[in-house]
Structure formats: C-alpha cells, structure tokens
Amino acid sequence: MLEATLDAPRQRPRRFYVWMAAACALVAFGGFSPTYWLQLPHGTFVGPPLLHIHGLLFSTWPLLLLSQTWLVAQGRLERHRLWGLAGISLATAMVVVGLAAAIYSLHTGLAHGYGDRSRAFFILPFSAIVLFAGFFIAAIANVRRPEAHKRLMLLATIVLLQAAMARVFFVLVTGGGPGLRPGLGAPPPIAIGLVPSLILELFIVAGVAYDWRTRDRPHRVWLIGAAVMTAVIVLRGPLSQTAAWLAFADRMAHIAG
C-alpha cells in the first residue's frame, strides 16, 4: 500500500500522505465514536455479531493505512510490502462483510415494513462498497506505479468515510444518546447522504492542491477519482427510485432470508 520511491525529493510528499492518512483515521473514529465506540463500554450498542465484525474490520483499515504511510515515510519499503499483503486480505474481508452487513440492514428494514424506503437506502452502503472495491483493485493493479497507487489507496479510504461523516450529521441532528444510532428506525431519504459525502471530497481537493504545489499539475488519478465519486454520489439518488434498482435490492434481501 502507498508505494513510494527512495529518493530524497519525495520526503515531503511522504509526510503529506501520512497526514492525509491521519486525517482519515480521525474522521473514521470520530464519526463512529458517539454511535458505536463510546457505547460499547456501557453496553448500549445493540446489534448482532456481524455488526461488531464489520466495525472491527472497517476500523482496522484506516489504522493500517496510517501505518503503511508511516513505513513509506521512514523508507521501510520491504515491511510496507509485507503488510500490503495483509491489506489485500483485509480489503477482501471488508467487501464481503460490508456487503453482508448492508444486506442484513436491508432485510431488517423490510421485516419492519419499511418497504421501498429500505430498498432505496440500500444503494448508499452498496455503492460505497463497490467504489471502495474498484479503487482498491485499481491501486493493486498500479502497485508498480507508486504515484497512482498511493492516490488510489487514499481514494478507496475516502469512500469508506462516507458512513462516518454521515454519523457526524446524525449526532448533530438528533443530539445522540445511549443506544442511539442510524438504522434503528425508518431509513432516511437518500438525499441525507449527499452533503456528508460531498464534504469528503475536500480530501481530494487537498490532494489536488498539494499536487499543484509539488508537481505543478494535479495527478490524473485525483481528477478521475473525483469525477467517478461525484457521479456516484449525485446519481445514486435518482437511481435508487427506479424499478430496476428496487427489484435488485429485493433480490439481494432474499440472500439474508
């Protein structure tokens, strides 16, 4: 993960990616603390083991990213590559468990009678998982092209932060409280995820700005990634209301049934 060369001029960019990874970890843990981590010691979080496995895997990812960027910044590339193999296993498990958790939530919503609202909302976690998998696969395919590889890894991580950022807004709107978390009531409108998701593109803006300073132009990975991510964020709302999507979500729900 986040491959880099050993030449001295790369030292400043290396530190930049460490700080970017640290910011991602801060958003991830800060967003989930009120609705998950701070509830665990008091036993107020209620959910099946699947959600705890999901939380463990998805919380490990930003820590691994931070560790990997730090190893590169220290020039410890062999250890970085070894941990990269573990990262492939972790990412694979995240896709499987993330999809399972999304299907579980969909099935639970349908069981409570929320119908098409649950089917429509399913597009949020599903699209995030697909985007993560796509960026991650592209990063692995570019492992010998460090400039593309490290940016693609960050894009994959930024996509995962959508749920954490949405929970920040959830706490701001509801005030939080013991046992309170998204998913316990009727699914909200898809539009609720629009602003939190777009805010995360500030990470991409930071990457583009840094490229302008250090490379005199933004790397195309940032531009393509921003275009893809924005398109998904904007279009998933209208798509979630189509008969094709509702039928697809219904078929996915039957997997849990």
C-alpha atoms as a PDB file:
ATOM      1  CA  MET A   1       0.000   0.000   0.000  1.00  0.00           C
ATOM      2  CA  LEU A   2       1.064   3.586  -0.740  1.00  0.00           C
ATOM      3  CA  GLU A   3       4.257   2.606  -2.556  1.00  0.00           C
ATOM      4  CA  ALA A   4       6.928   5.288  -2.918  1.00  0.00           C
ATOM      5  CA  THR A   5      10.485   5.660  -4.181  1.00  0.00           C
ATOM      6  CA  LEU A   6      13.515   6.278  -2.012  1.00  0.00           C
ATOM      7  CA  ASP A   7      14.856   9.500  -3.492  1.00  0.00           C
ATOM      8  CA  ALA A   8      15.171  12.489  -1.159  1.00  0.00           C
ATOM      9  CA  PRO A   9      12.829  14.858  -3.067  1.00  0.00           C
ATOM     10  CA  ARG A  10       9.980  12.501  -2.172  1.00  0.00           C
ATOM     11  CA  GLN A  11      10.334  13.060   1.568  1.00  0.00           C
ATOM     12  CA  ARG A  12       7.884  15.978   1.747  1.00  0.00           C
ATOM     13  CA  PRO A  13       5.144  14.171  -0.239  1.00  0.00           C
ATOM     14  CA  ARG A  14       5.643  11.168   2.026  1.00  0.00           C
ATOM     15  CA  ARG A  15       4.879  13.277   5.058  1.00  0.00           C
ATOM     16  CA  PHE A  16       1.852  14.733   3.303  1.00  0.00           C
ATOM     17  CA  TYR A  17       0.357  11.270   2.849  1.00  0.00           C
ATOM     18  CA  VAL A  18       0.994  10.419   6.479  1.00  0.00           C
ATOM     19  CA  TRP A  19      -1.022  13.484   7.487  1.00  0.00           C
ATOM     20  CA  MET A  20      -3.748  12.611   4.994  1.00  0.00           C
ATOM     21  CA  ALA A  21      -3.976   9.092   6.434  1.00  0.00           C
ATOM     22  CA  ALA A  22      -4.081  10.513   9.976  1.00  0.00           C
ATOM     23  CA  ALA A  23      -6.942  12.827   8.988  1.00  0.00           C
ATOM     24  CA  CYS A  24      -8.838   9.858   7.520  1.00  0.00           C
ATOM     25  CA  ALA A  25      -8.384   7.908  10.760  1.00  0.00           C
ATOM     26  CA  LEU A  26      -9.589  10.904  12.767  1.00  0.00           C
ATOM     27  CA  VAL A  27     -12.785  11.156  10.712  1.00  0.00           C
ATOM     28  CA  ALA A  28     -13.359   7.404  10.893  1.00  0.00           C
ATOM     29  CA  PHE A  29     -13.055   7.095  14.656  1.00  0.00           C
ATOM     30  CA  GLY A  30     -14.549  10.498  15.413  1.00  0.00           C
ATOM     31  CA  GLY A  31     -17.614   9.750  13.334  1.00  0.00           C
ATOM     32  CA  PHE A  32     -18.301   6.358  14.879  1.00  0.00           C
ATOM     33  CA  SER A  33     -17.365   7.158  18.477  1.00  0.00           C
ATOM     34  CA  PRO A  34     -20.783   8.521  19.638  1.00  0.00           C
ATOM     35  CA  THR A  35     -22.819   5.767  17.988  1.00  0.00           C
ATOM     36  CA  TYR A  36     -20.504   2.804  18.468  1.00  0.00           C
ATOM     37  CA  TRP A  37     -17.173   3.002  20.297  1.00  0.00           C
ATOM     38  CA  LEU A  38     -18.386   5.048  23.276  1.00  0.00           C
ATOM     39  CA  GLN A  39     -21.458   2.835  23.593  1.00  0.00           C
ATOM     40  CA  LEU A  40     -19.555  -0.438  23.845  1.00  0.00           C
ATOM     41  CA  PRO A  41     -18.245   0.048  27.427  1.00  0.00           C
ATOM     42  CA  HIS A  42     -21.784   0.817  28.639  1.00  0.00           C
ATOM     43  CA  GLY A  43     -23.445  -1.997  26.694  1.00  0.00           C
ATOM     44  CA  THR A  44     -25.855   0.392  24.994  1.00  0.00           C
ATOM     45  CA  PHE A  45     -24.997  -0.701  21.463  1.00  0.00           C
ATOM     46  CA  VAL A  46     -27.382  -3.445  20.409  1.00  0.00           C
ATOM     47  CA  GLY A  47     -26.690  -5.477  17.319  1.00  0.00           C
ATOM     48  CA  PRO A  48     -25.689  -8.928  16.030  1.00  0.00           C
ATOM     49  CA  PRO A  49     -22.047 -10.119  15.961  1.00  0.00           C
ATOM     50  CA  LEU A  50     -21.932  -9.277  12.250  1.00  0.00           C
ATOM     51  CA  LEU A  51     -22.015  -5.553  13.050  1.00  0.00           C
ATOM     52  CA  HIS A  52     -19.157  -5.891  15.537  1.00  0.00           C
ATOM     53  CA  ILE A  53     -17.056  -7.769  12.976  1.00  0.00           C
ATOM     54  CA  HIS A  54     -17.930  -5.057  10.482  1.00  0.00           C
ATOM     55  CA  GLY A  55     -16.850  -2.362  12.926  1.00  0.00           C
ATOM     56  CA  LEU A  56     -13.569  -4.120  13.723  1.00  0.00           C
ATOM     57  CA  LEU A  57     -12.582  -4.646  10.085  1.00  0.00           C
ATOM     58  CA  PHE A  58     -13.529  -1.190   8.887  1.00  0.00           C
ATOM     59  CA  SER A  59     -11.783   0.438  11.860  1.00  0.00           C
ATOM     60  CA  THR A  60      -8.618  -1.535  11.202  1.00  0.00           C
ATOM     61  CA  TRP A  61      -8.351  -0.191   7.668  1.00  0.00           C
ATOM     62  CA  PRO A  62      -7.535   3.494   8.460  1.00  0.00           C
ATOM     63  CA  LEU A  63      -5.028   2.327  11.091  1.00  0.00           C
ATOM     64  CA  LEU A  64      -3.347   0.091   8.541  1.00  0.00           C
ATOM     65  CA  LEU A  65      -3.289   2.934   6.039  1.00  0.00           C
ATOM     66  CA  LEU A  66      -1.678   5.223   8.608  1.00  0.00           C
ATOM     67  CA  SER A  67       0.876   2.556   9.455  1.00  0.00           C
ATOM     68  CA  GLN A  68       1.662   1.978   5.782  1.00  0.00           C
ATOM     69  CA  THR A  69       2.175   5.650   5.005  1.00  0.00           C
ATOM     70  CA  TRP A  70       4.434   5.928   8.045  1.00  0.00           C
ATOM     71  CA  LEU A  71       6.541   2.970   6.886  1.00  0.00           C
ATOM     72  CA  VAL A  72       6.962   4.562   3.468  1.00  0.00           C
ATOM     73  CA  ALA A  73       7.895   7.901   5.031  1.00  0.00           C
ATOM     74  CA  GLN A  74      10.600   6.085   7.002  1.00  0.00           C
ATOM     75  CA  GLY A  75      11.853   4.324   3.883  1.00  0.00           C
ATOM     76  CA  ARG A  76      10.953   0.882   5.232  1.00  0.00           C
ATOM     77  CA  LEU A  77       9.553  -0.370   1.945  1.00  0.00           C
ATOM     78  CA  GLU A  78      10.120  -4.092   2.468  1.00  0.00           C
ATOM     79  CA  ARG A  79       7.998  -4.082   5.610  1.00  0.00           C
ATOM     80  CA  HIS A  80       5.499  -1.884   3.778  1.00  0.00           C
ATOM     81  CA  ARG A  81       5.171  -4.502   1.032  1.00  0.00           C
ATOM     82  CA  LEU A  82       4.752  -7.341   3.528  1.00  0.00           C
ATOM     83  CA  TRP A  83       1.935  -5.508   5.309  1.00  0.00           C
ATOM     84  CA  GLY A  84       0.464  -4.745   1.915  1.00  0.00           C
ATOM     85  CA  LEU A  85      -0.310  -8.446   1.529  1.00  0.00           C
ATOM     86  CA  ALA A  86      -2.243  -8.292   4.786  1.00  0.00           C
ATOM     87  CA  GLY A  87      -4.025  -5.245   3.397  1.00  0.00           C
ATOM     88  CA  ILE A  88      -5.269  -7.267   0.431  1.00  0.00           C
ATOM     89  CA  SER A  89      -6.751  -9.859   2.792  1.00  0.00           C
ATOM     90  CA  LEU A  90      -8.294  -7.160   4.962  1.00  0.00           C
ATOM     91  CA  ALA A  91      -9.848  -5.345   1.999  1.00  0.00           C
ATOM     92  CA  THR A  92     -11.317  -8.602   0.691  1.00  0.00           C
ATOM     93  CA  ALA A  93     -12.867  -9.357   4.083  1.00  0.00           C
ATOM     94  CA  MET A  94     -14.216  -5.804   4.281  1.00  0.00           C
ATOM     95  CA  VAL A  95     -16.018  -6.130   0.955  1.00  0.00           C
ATOM     96  CA  VAL A  96     -17.608  -9.440   1.956  1.00  0.00           C
ATOM     97  CA  VAL A  97     -18.584  -8.383   5.487  1.00  0.00           C
ATOM     98  CA  GLY A  98     -19.593  -4.891   4.382  1.00  0.00           C
ATOM     99  CA  LEU A  99     -21.968  -6.312   1.789  1.00  0.00           C
ATOM    100  CA  ALA A 100     -23.315  -8.798   4.341  1.00  0.00           C
ATOM    101  CA  ALA A 101     -23.970  -6.001   6.848  1.00  0.00           C
ATOM    102  CA  ALA A 102     -25.717  -3.904   4.196  1.00  0.00           C
ATOM    103  CA  ILE A 103     -27.934  -6.846   3.221  1.00  0.00           C
ATOM    104  CA  TYR A 104     -28.701  -7.511   6.883  1.00  0.00           C
ATOM    105  CA  SER A 105     -29.836  -3.908   7.366  1.00  0.00           C
ATOM    106  CA  LEU A 106     -31.934  -4.113   4.204  1.00  0.00           C
ATOM    107  CA  HIS A 107     -33.560  -7.359   5.321  1.00  0.00           C
ATOM    108  CA  THR A 108     -34.253  -5.922   8.784  1.00  0.00           C
ATOM    109  CA  GLY A 109     -35.842  -2.811   7.283  1.00  0.00           C
ATOM    110  CA  LEU A 110     -38.098  -4.882   5.053  1.00  0.00           C
ATOM    111  CA  ALA A 111     -39.078  -7.046   8.010  1.00  0.00           C
ATOM    112  CA  HIS A 112     -40.169  -3.900   9.865  1.00  0.00           C
ATOM    113  CA  GLY A 113     -42.352  -2.862   6.951  1.00  0.00           C
ATOM    114  CA  TYR A 114     -40.267  -0.017   5.551  1.00  0.00           C
ATOM    115  CA  GLY A 115     -40.537  -1.435   2.043  1.00  0.00           C
ATOM    116  CA  ASP A 116     -39.172   0.683  -0.781  1.00  0.00           C
ATOM    117  CA  ARG A 117     -37.538   3.116   1.660  1.00  0.00           C
ATOM    118  CA  SER A 118     -35.223   0.306   2.757  1.00  0.00           C
ATOM    119  CA  ARG A 119     -34.690  -0.847  -0.812  1.00  0.00           C
ATOM    120  CA  ALA A 120     -33.776   2.669  -1.895  1.00  0.00           C
ATOM    121  CA  PHE A 121     -31.474   3.312   1.081  1.00  0.00           C
ATOM    122  CA  PHE A 122     -29.567   0.120   0.311  1.00  0.00           C
ATOM    123  CA  ILE A 123     -27.880   1.972  -2.546  1.00  0.00           C
ATOM    124  CA  LEU A 124     -25.812   4.044  -0.081  1.00  0.00           C
ATOM    125  CA  PRO A 125     -23.789   1.229   1.517  1.00  0.00           C
ATOM    126  CA  PHE A 126     -23.798  -0.830  -1.666  1.00  0.00           C
ATOM    127  CA  SER A 127     -22.363   1.974  -3.809  1.00  0.00           C
ATOM    128  CA  ALA A 128     -19.732   2.756  -1.159  1.00  0.00           C
ATOM    129  CA  ILE A 129     -18.585  -0.874  -1.090  1.00  0.00           C
ATOM    130  CA  VAL A 130     -18.439  -1.067  -4.883  1.00  0.00           C
ATOM    131  CA  LEU A 131     -16.459   2.185  -5.090  1.00  0.00           C
ATOM    132  CA  PHE A 132     -14.054   1.018  -2.402  1.00  0.00           C
ATOM    133  CA  ALA A 133     -13.503  -2.280  -4.192  1.00  0.00           C
ATOM    134  CA  GLY A 134     -12.994  -0.519  -7.526  1.00  0.00           C
ATOM    135  CA  PHE A 135     -10.424   1.959  -6.222  1.00  0.00           C
ATOM    136  CA  PHE A 136      -8.639  -0.754  -4.253  1.00  0.00           C
ATOM    137  CA  ILE A 137      -8.392  -3.096  -7.240  1.00  0.00           C
ATOM    138  CA  ALA A 138      -7.076  -0.201  -9.336  1.00  0.00           C
ATOM    139  CA  ALA A 139      -4.499   0.535  -6.613  1.00  0.00           C
ATOM    140  CA  ILE A 140      -3.281  -3.070  -6.621  1.00  0.00           C
ATOM    141  CA  ALA A 141      -3.126  -3.060 -10.407  1.00  0.00           C
ATOM    142  CA  ASN A 142      -0.876   0.036 -10.150  1.00  0.00           C
ATOM    143  CA  VAL A 143       1.358  -1.228  -7.368  1.00  0.00           C
ATOM    144  CA  ARG A 144       4.438  -0.657  -9.559  1.00  0.00           C
ATOM    145  CA  ARG A 145       3.307   2.901 -10.272  1.00  0.00           C
ATOM    146  CA  PRO A 146       3.642   4.465  -6.811  1.00  0.00           C
ATOM    147  CA  GLU A 147       2.267   7.896  -7.737  1.00  0.00           C
ATOM    148  CA  ALA A 148      -1.007   6.361  -8.899  1.00  0.00           C
ATOM    149  CA  HIS A 149      -1.011   3.605  -6.265  1.00  0.00           C
ATOM    150  CA  LYS A 150      -0.889   5.831  -3.196  1.00  0.00           C
ATOM    151  CA  ARG A 151      -3.583   8.181  -4.504  1.00  0.00           C
ATOM    152  CA  LEU A 152      -5.892   5.293  -5.344  1.00  0.00           C
ATOM    153  CA  MET A 153      -5.450   3.894  -1.829  1.00  0.00           C
ATOM    154  CA  LEU A 154      -6.466   7.244  -0.388  1.00  0.00           C
ATOM    155  CA  LEU A 155      -9.482   7.406  -2.708  1.00  0.00           C
ATOM    156  CA  ALA A 156     -10.575   3.961  -1.509  1.00  0.00           C
ATOM    157  CA  THR A 157     -10.295   5.166   2.083  1.00  0.00           C
ATOM    158  CA  ILE A 158     -12.140   8.424   1.434  1.00  0.00           C
ATOM    159  CA  VAL A 159     -15.075   6.438   0.061  1.00  0.00           C
ATOM    160  CA  LEU A 160     -15.268   4.447   3.295  1.00  0.00           C
ATOM    161  CA  LEU A 161     -15.527   7.647   5.336  1.00  0.00           C
ATOM    162  CA  GLN A 162     -18.997   8.403   3.991  1.00  0.00           C
ATOM    163  CA  ALA A 163     -20.672   6.409   6.763  1.00  0.00           C
ATOM    164  CA  ALA A 164     -18.537   8.083   9.454  1.00  0.00           C
ATOM    165  CA  MET A 165     -19.269  11.577   8.146  1.00  0.00           C
ATOM    166  CA  ALA A 166     -22.980  10.769   7.903  1.00  0.00           C
ATOM    167  CA  ARG A 167     -22.943   9.786  11.576  1.00  0.00           C
ATOM    168  CA  VAL A 168     -21.485  13.162  12.486  1.00  0.00           C
ATOM    169  CA  PHE A 169     -24.543  14.768  10.917  1.00  0.00           C
ATOM    170  CA  PHE A 170     -26.781  12.175  12.586  1.00  0.00           C
ATOM    171  CA  VAL A 171     -25.485  13.157  16.027  1.00  0.00           C
ATOM    172  CA  LEU A 172     -25.770  16.859  15.231  1.00  0.00           C
ATOM    173  CA  VAL A 173     -29.420  16.438  14.191  1.00  0.00           C
ATOM    174  CA  THR A 174     -30.547  14.002  16.902  1.00  0.00           C
ATOM    175  CA  GLY A 175     -28.254  15.042  19.734  1.00  0.00           C
ATOM    176  CA  GLY A 176     -27.075  11.448  20.125  1.00  0.00           C
ATOM    177  CA  GLY A 177     -27.638   9.487  23.297  1.00  0.00           C
ATOM    178  CA  PRO A 178     -27.238   5.981  24.778  1.00  0.00           C
ATOM    179  CA  GLY A 179     -28.143   3.286  22.283  1.00  0.00           C
ATOM    180  CA  LEU A 180     -28.999   5.777  19.566  1.00  0.00           C
ATOM    181  CA  ARG A 181     -27.590   5.072  16.120  1.00  0.00           C
ATOM    182  CA  PRO A 182     -28.673   5.079  12.477  1.00  0.00           C
ATOM    183  CA  GLY A 183     -30.620   2.047  11.337  1.00  0.00           C
ATOM    184  CA  LEU A 184     -32.913   1.670  14.333  1.00  0.00           C
ATOM    185  CA  GLY A 185     -35.875   3.388  12.690  1.00  0.00           C
ATOM    186  CA  ALA A 186     -37.175   4.058   9.218  1.00  0.00           C
ATOM    187  CA  PRO A 187     -34.418   4.699   6.656  1.00  0.00           C
ATOM    188  CA  PRO A 188     -33.983   8.422   5.907  1.00  0.00           C
ATOM    189  CA  PRO A 189     -34.214   9.850   2.373  1.00  0.00           C
ATOM    190  CA  ILE A 190     -31.240   9.174   0.111  1.00  0.00           C
ATOM    191  CA  ALA A 191     -30.588  12.905  -0.113  1.00  0.00           C
ATOM    192  CA  ILE A 192     -29.397  12.874   3.501  1.00  0.00           C
ATOM    193  CA  GLY A 193     -26.125  11.310   2.359  1.00  0.00           C
ATOM    194  CA  LEU A 194     -25.450  13.922  -0.321  1.00  0.00           C
ATOM    195  CA  VAL A 195     -23.816  16.684   1.760  1.00  0.00           C
ATOM    196  CA  PRO A 196     -21.683  14.436   4.045  1.00  0.00           C
ATOM    197  CA  SER A 197     -20.367  12.536   1.030  1.00  0.00           C
ATOM    198  CA  LEU A 198     -19.536  15.669  -0.950  1.00  0.00           C
ATOM    199  CA  ILE A 199     -17.773  17.202   2.066  1.00  0.00           C
ATOM    200  CA  LEU A 200     -15.333  14.299   1.977  1.00  0.00           C
ATOM    201  CA  GLU A 201     -14.204  15.402  -1.455  1.00  0.00           C
ATOM    202  CA  LEU A 202     -12.282  18.126   0.376  1.00  0.00           C
ATOM    203  CA  PHE A 203      -9.681  15.405   0.885  1.00  0.00           C
ATOM    204  CA  ILE A 204      -9.383  15.200  -2.885  1.00  0.00           C
ATOM    205  CA  VAL A 205      -9.188  18.984  -3.098  1.00  0.00           C
ATOM    206  CA  ALA A 206      -6.298  18.872  -0.616  1.00  0.00           C
ATOM    207  CA  GLY A 207      -4.543  16.271  -2.762  1.00  0.00           C
ATOM    208  CA  VAL A 208      -5.041  18.334  -5.908  1.00  0.00           C
ATOM    209  CA  ALA A 209      -3.782  21.486  -4.178  1.00  0.00           C
ATOM    210  CA  TYR A 210      -0.709  19.669  -2.932  1.00  0.00           C
ATOM    211  CA  ASP A 211      -0.018  18.354  -6.430  1.00  0.00           C
ATOM    212  CA  TRP A 212      -0.203  21.879  -7.806  1.00  0.00           C
ATOM    213  CA  ARG A 213       2.441  22.935  -5.283  1.00  0.00           C
ATOM    214  CA  THR A 214       4.770  19.982  -5.763  1.00  0.00           C
ATOM    215  CA  ARG A 215       4.119  18.816  -9.347  1.00  0.00           C
ATOM    216  CA  ASP A 216       2.703  21.965 -10.989  1.00  0.00           C
ATOM    217  CA  ARG A 217      -0.357  19.956 -12.008  1.00  0.00           C
ATOM    218  CA  PRO A 218      -2.814  17.547 -10.368  1.00  0.00           C
ATOM    219  CA  HIS A 219      -2.323  13.845 -10.919  1.00  0.00           C
ATOM    220  CA  ARG A 220      -4.993  12.396 -13.177  1.00  0.00           C
ATOM    221  CA  VAL A 221      -5.937   9.860 -10.507  1.00  0.00           C
ATOM    222  CA  TRP A 222      -7.367  12.690  -8.407  1.00  0.00           C
ATOM    223  CA  LEU A 223      -9.334  14.072 -11.347  1.00  0.00           C
ATOM    224  CA  ILE A 224     -10.728  10.724 -12.488  1.00  0.00           C
ATOM    225  CA  GLY A 225     -11.436   9.658  -8.914  1.00  0.00           C
ATOM    226  CA  ALA A 226     -13.265  12.892  -8.135  1.00  0.00           C
ATOM    227  CA  ALA A 227     -15.356  12.568 -11.303  1.00  0.00           C
ATOM    228  CA  VAL A 228     -16.313   8.962 -10.550  1.00  0.00           C
ATOM    229  CA  MET A 229     -17.045   9.602  -6.874  1.00  0.00           C
ATOM    230  CA  THR A 230     -19.121  12.724  -7.605  1.00  0.00           C
ATOM    231  CA  ALA A 231     -21.105  10.954 -10.303  1.00  0.00           C
ATOM    232  CA  VAL A 232     -21.953   8.091  -7.959  1.00  0.00           C
ATOM    233  CA  ILE A 233     -22.922  10.439  -5.110  1.00  0.00           C
ATOM    234  CA  VAL A 234     -25.173  12.560  -7.317  1.00  0.00           C
ATOM    235  CA  LEU A 235     -26.752   9.815  -9.419  1.00  0.00           C
ATOM    236  CA  ARG A 236     -27.469   7.217  -6.753  1.00  0.00           C
ATOM    237  CA  GLY A 237     -30.463   9.221  -5.518  1.00  0.00           C
ATOM    238  CA  PRO A 238     -32.398   9.103  -8.804  1.00  0.00           C
ATOM    239  CA  LEU A 239     -31.191   5.544  -9.469  1.00  0.00           C
ATOM    240  CA  SER A 240     -32.486   4.339  -6.091  1.00  0.00           C
ATOM    241  CA  GLN A 241     -36.048   5.174  -7.155  1.00  0.00           C
ATOM    242  CA  THR A 242     -36.014   3.155 -10.360  1.00  0.00           C
ATOM    243  CA  ALA A 243     -37.871  -0.124 -10.705  1.00  0.00           C
ATOM    244  CA  ALA A 244     -34.633  -1.854 -11.719  1.00  0.00           C
ATOM    245  CA  TRP A 245     -32.857  -0.861  -8.503  1.00  0.00           C
ATOM    246  CA  LEU A 246     -35.808  -1.730  -6.259  1.00  0.00           C
ATOM    247  CA  ALA A 247     -36.004  -5.170  -7.891  1.00  0.00           C
ATOM    248  CA  PHE A 248     -32.229  -5.653  -7.471  1.00  0.00           C
ATOM    249  CA  ALA A 249     -32.418  -4.689  -3.794  1.00  0.00           C
ATOM    250  CA  ASP A 250     -35.286  -7.106  -3.300  1.00  0.00           C
ATOM    251  CA  ARG A 251     -33.227  -9.946  -4.749  1.00  0.00           C
ATOM    252  CA  MET A 252     -30.299  -9.035  -2.505  1.00  0.00           C
ATOM    253  CA  ALA A 253     -32.602  -9.029   0.528  1.00  0.00           C
ATOM    254  CA  HIS A 254     -33.603 -12.605  -0.176  1.00  0.00           C
ATOM    255  CA  ILE A 255     -29.988 -13.649   0.355  1.00  0.00           C
ATOM    256  CA  ALA A 256     -30.442 -12.901   4.050  1.00  0.00           C
ATOM    257  CA  GLY A 257     -33.815 -14.537   4.069  1.00  0.00           C
END
